[in-house]
C-alpha atoms as a PDB file:
ATOM      1  CA  UNK A   1      -9.912  19.146  -6.383  1.00  0.00           C
ATOM      2  CA  UNK A   2      -6.418  17.934  -5.575  1.00  0.00           C
ATOM      3  CA  UNK A   3      -5.673  14.291  -4.851  1.00  0.00           C
ATOM      4  CA  UNK A   4      -2.910  13.248  -2.445  1.00  0.00           C
ATOM      5  CA  UNK A   5      -0.705  10.473  -3.782  1.00  0.00           C
ATOM      6  CA  UNK A   6       2.348   8.453  -2.841  1.00  0.00           C
ATOM      7  CA  UNK A   7       4.711   8.119  -5.776  1.00  0.00           C
ATOM      8  CA  UNK A   8       7.022   5.096  -5.837  1.00  0.00           C
ATOM      9  CA  UNK A   9      10.204   5.456  -7.876  1.00  0.00           C
ATOM     10  CA  UNK A  10      12.536   2.437  -8.186  1.00  0.00           C
ATOM     11  CA  UNK A  11      15.509   2.680  -5.836  1.00  0.00           C
ATOM     12  CA  UNK A  12      14.331   5.889  -4.142  1.00  0.00           C
ATOM     13  CA  UNK A  13      12.235   6.699  -1.065  1.00  0.00           C
ATOM     14  CA  UNK A  14       8.489   7.193  -1.596  1.00  0.00           C
ATOM     15  CA  UNK A  15       7.347  10.724  -2.398  1.00  0.00           C
ATOM     16  CA  UNK A  16       4.092  12.303  -1.222  1.00  0.00           C
ATOM     17  CA  UNK A  17       2.415  15.103  -3.131  1.00  0.00           C
ATOM     18  CA  UNK A  18      -0.788  16.373  -4.681  1.00  0.00           C
ATOM     19  CA  UNK A  19      -2.007  16.059  -8.254  1.00  0.00           C
ATOM     20  CA  UNK A  20      -4.850  17.996  -9.871  1.00  0.00           C
ATOM     21  CA  UNK A  21      -6.220  15.044 -11.858  1.00  0.00           C
ATOM     22  CA  UNK A  22      -5.512  11.361 -12.324  1.00  0.00           C
ATOM     23  CA  UNK A  23      -3.072  10.448 -15.095  1.00  0.00           C
ATOM     24  CA  UNK A  24      -4.709   9.329 -18.326  1.00  0.00           C
ATOM     25  CA  UNK A  25      -3.715   6.298 -20.401  1.00  0.00           C
ATOM     26  CA  UNK A  26      -1.866   8.406 -22.979  1.00  0.00           C
ATOM     27  CA  UNK A  27      -0.001  10.681 -20.506  1.00  0.00           C
ATOM     28  CA  UNK A  28       3.794  10.562 -20.505  1.00  0.00           C
ATOM     29  CA  UNK A  29       4.456  12.863 -17.526  1.00  0.00           C
ATOM     30  CA  UNK A  30       3.092  13.348 -14.030  1.00  0.00           C
ATOM     31  CA  UNK A  31       3.041  16.790 -12.394  1.00  0.00           C
ATOM     32  CA  UNK A  32       3.177  16.744  -8.585  1.00  0.00           C
ATOM     33  CA  UNK A  33       2.569  19.748  -6.338  1.00  0.00           C
ATOM     34  CA  UNK A  34       4.353  20.124  -2.982  1.00  0.00           C
ATOM     35  CA  UNK A  35       6.618  17.058  -3.304  1.00  0.00           C
ATOM     36  CA  UNK A  36       8.049  15.767  -0.028  1.00  0.00           C
ATOM     37  CA  UNK A  37       9.171  12.532   1.573  1.00  0.00           C
ATOM     38  CA  UNK A  38       6.619  10.472   3.507  1.00  0.00           C
ATOM     39  CA  UNK A  39       7.945  11.847   6.793  1.00  0.00           C
ATOM     40  CA  UNK A  40       7.453  15.429   5.553  1.00  0.00           C
ATOM     41  CA  UNK A  41      11.136  16.187   4.974  1.00  0.00           C
ATOM     42  CA  UNK A  42      12.479  17.843   1.828  1.00  0.00           C
ATOM     43  CA  UNK A  43      13.693  15.694  -1.048  1.00  0.00           C
ATOM     44  CA  UNK A  44      17.493  15.960  -1.058  1.00  0.00           C
ATOM     45  CA  UNK A  45      17.897  16.364  -4.829  1.00  0.00           C
ATOM     46  CA  UNK A  46      15.327  19.185  -5.154  1.00  0.00           C
ATOM     47  CA  UNK A  47      15.910  22.829  -4.326  1.00  0.00           C
ATOM     48  CA  UNK A  48      14.234  24.100  -1.142  1.00  0.00           C
ATOM     49  CA  UNK A  49      11.808  26.439  -2.930  1.00  0.00           C
ATOM     50  CA  UNK A  50      10.473  23.908  -5.490  1.00  0.00           C
ATOM     51  CA  UNK A  51       6.685  23.562  -5.328  1.00  0.00           C
ATOM     52  CA  UNK A  52       5.985  21.583  -8.509  1.00  0.00           C
ATOM     53  CA  UNK A  53       7.887  18.707 -10.165  1.00  0.00           C
ATOM     54  CA  UNK A  54       7.273  16.901 -13.448  1.00  0.00           C
ATOM     55  CA  UNK A  55       8.299  13.227 -13.543  1.00  0.00           C
ATOM     56  CA  UNK A  56       8.253  11.046 -16.652  1.00  0.00           C
ATOM     57  CA  UNK A  57       5.893   8.119 -16.099  1.00  0.00           C
ATOM     58  CA  UNK A  58       8.585   5.747 -17.397  1.00  0.00           C
ATOM     59  CA  UNK A  59      10.418   6.319 -14.072  1.00  0.00           C
ATOM     60  CA  UNK A  60       7.347   5.583 -11.906  1.00  0.00           C
ATOM     61  CA  UNK A  61       6.904   2.063 -10.498  1.00  0.00           C
ATOM     62  CA  UNK A  62       3.381   2.698  -9.160  1.00  0.00           C
ATOM     63  CA  UNK A  63       1.163   5.342  -7.583  1.00  0.00           C
ATOM     64  CA  UNK A  64      -0.938   5.073  -4.413  1.00  0.00           C
ATOM     65  CA  UNK A  65      -3.953   7.375  -4.092  1.00  0.00           C
ATOM     66  CA  UNK A  66      -4.831   8.384  -0.532  1.00  0.00           C
ATOM     67  CA  UNK A  67      -8.337   9.116   0.699  1.00  0.00           C
ATOM     68  CA  UNK A  68      -9.194  12.714   1.401  1.00  0.00           C
ATOM     69  CA  UNK A  69     -10.394  13.641   4.879  1.00  0.00           C
ATOM     70  CA  UNK A  70     -13.703  14.797   3.332  1.00  0.00           C
ATOM     71  CA  UNK A  71     -14.395  11.359   1.838  1.00  0.00           C
ATOM     72  CA  UNK A  72     -13.506   9.640   5.095  1.00  0.00           C
ATOM     73  CA  UNK A  73     -15.997  11.826   6.988  1.00  0.00           C
ATOM     74  CA  UNK A  74     -18.790  10.963   4.554  1.00  0.00           C
ATOM     75  CA  UNK A  75     -18.357   7.196   4.752  1.00  0.00           C
ATOM     76  CA  UNK A  76     -17.524   5.904   8.171  1.00  0.00           C
ATOM     77  CA  UNK A  77     -17.610   2.669  10.076  1.00  0.00           C
ATOM     78  CA  UNK A  78     -21.116   1.457  10.863  1.00  0.00           C
ATOM     79  CA  UNK A  79     -21.682  -0.944  13.717  1.00  0.00           C
ATOM     80  CA  UNK A  80     -24.857  -2.948  13.955  1.00  0.00           C
END
């Protein structure tokens, strides 16, 4: 199951992509599938046909993990 994340790199726009599993404590790299800017545009320093990028975790400020649509459908707002 792929997880959608927002990757924050210092001094650069946020990058959205999918990862196959969460990074572990001893990982040094992060592999992202389908990297793109938050607005869906291509990242200017990547070639147009790139589908997977490996970033060293030393360059990552923090990572946001987005909810999947499936999880949102399972747990919804309940009004009493």
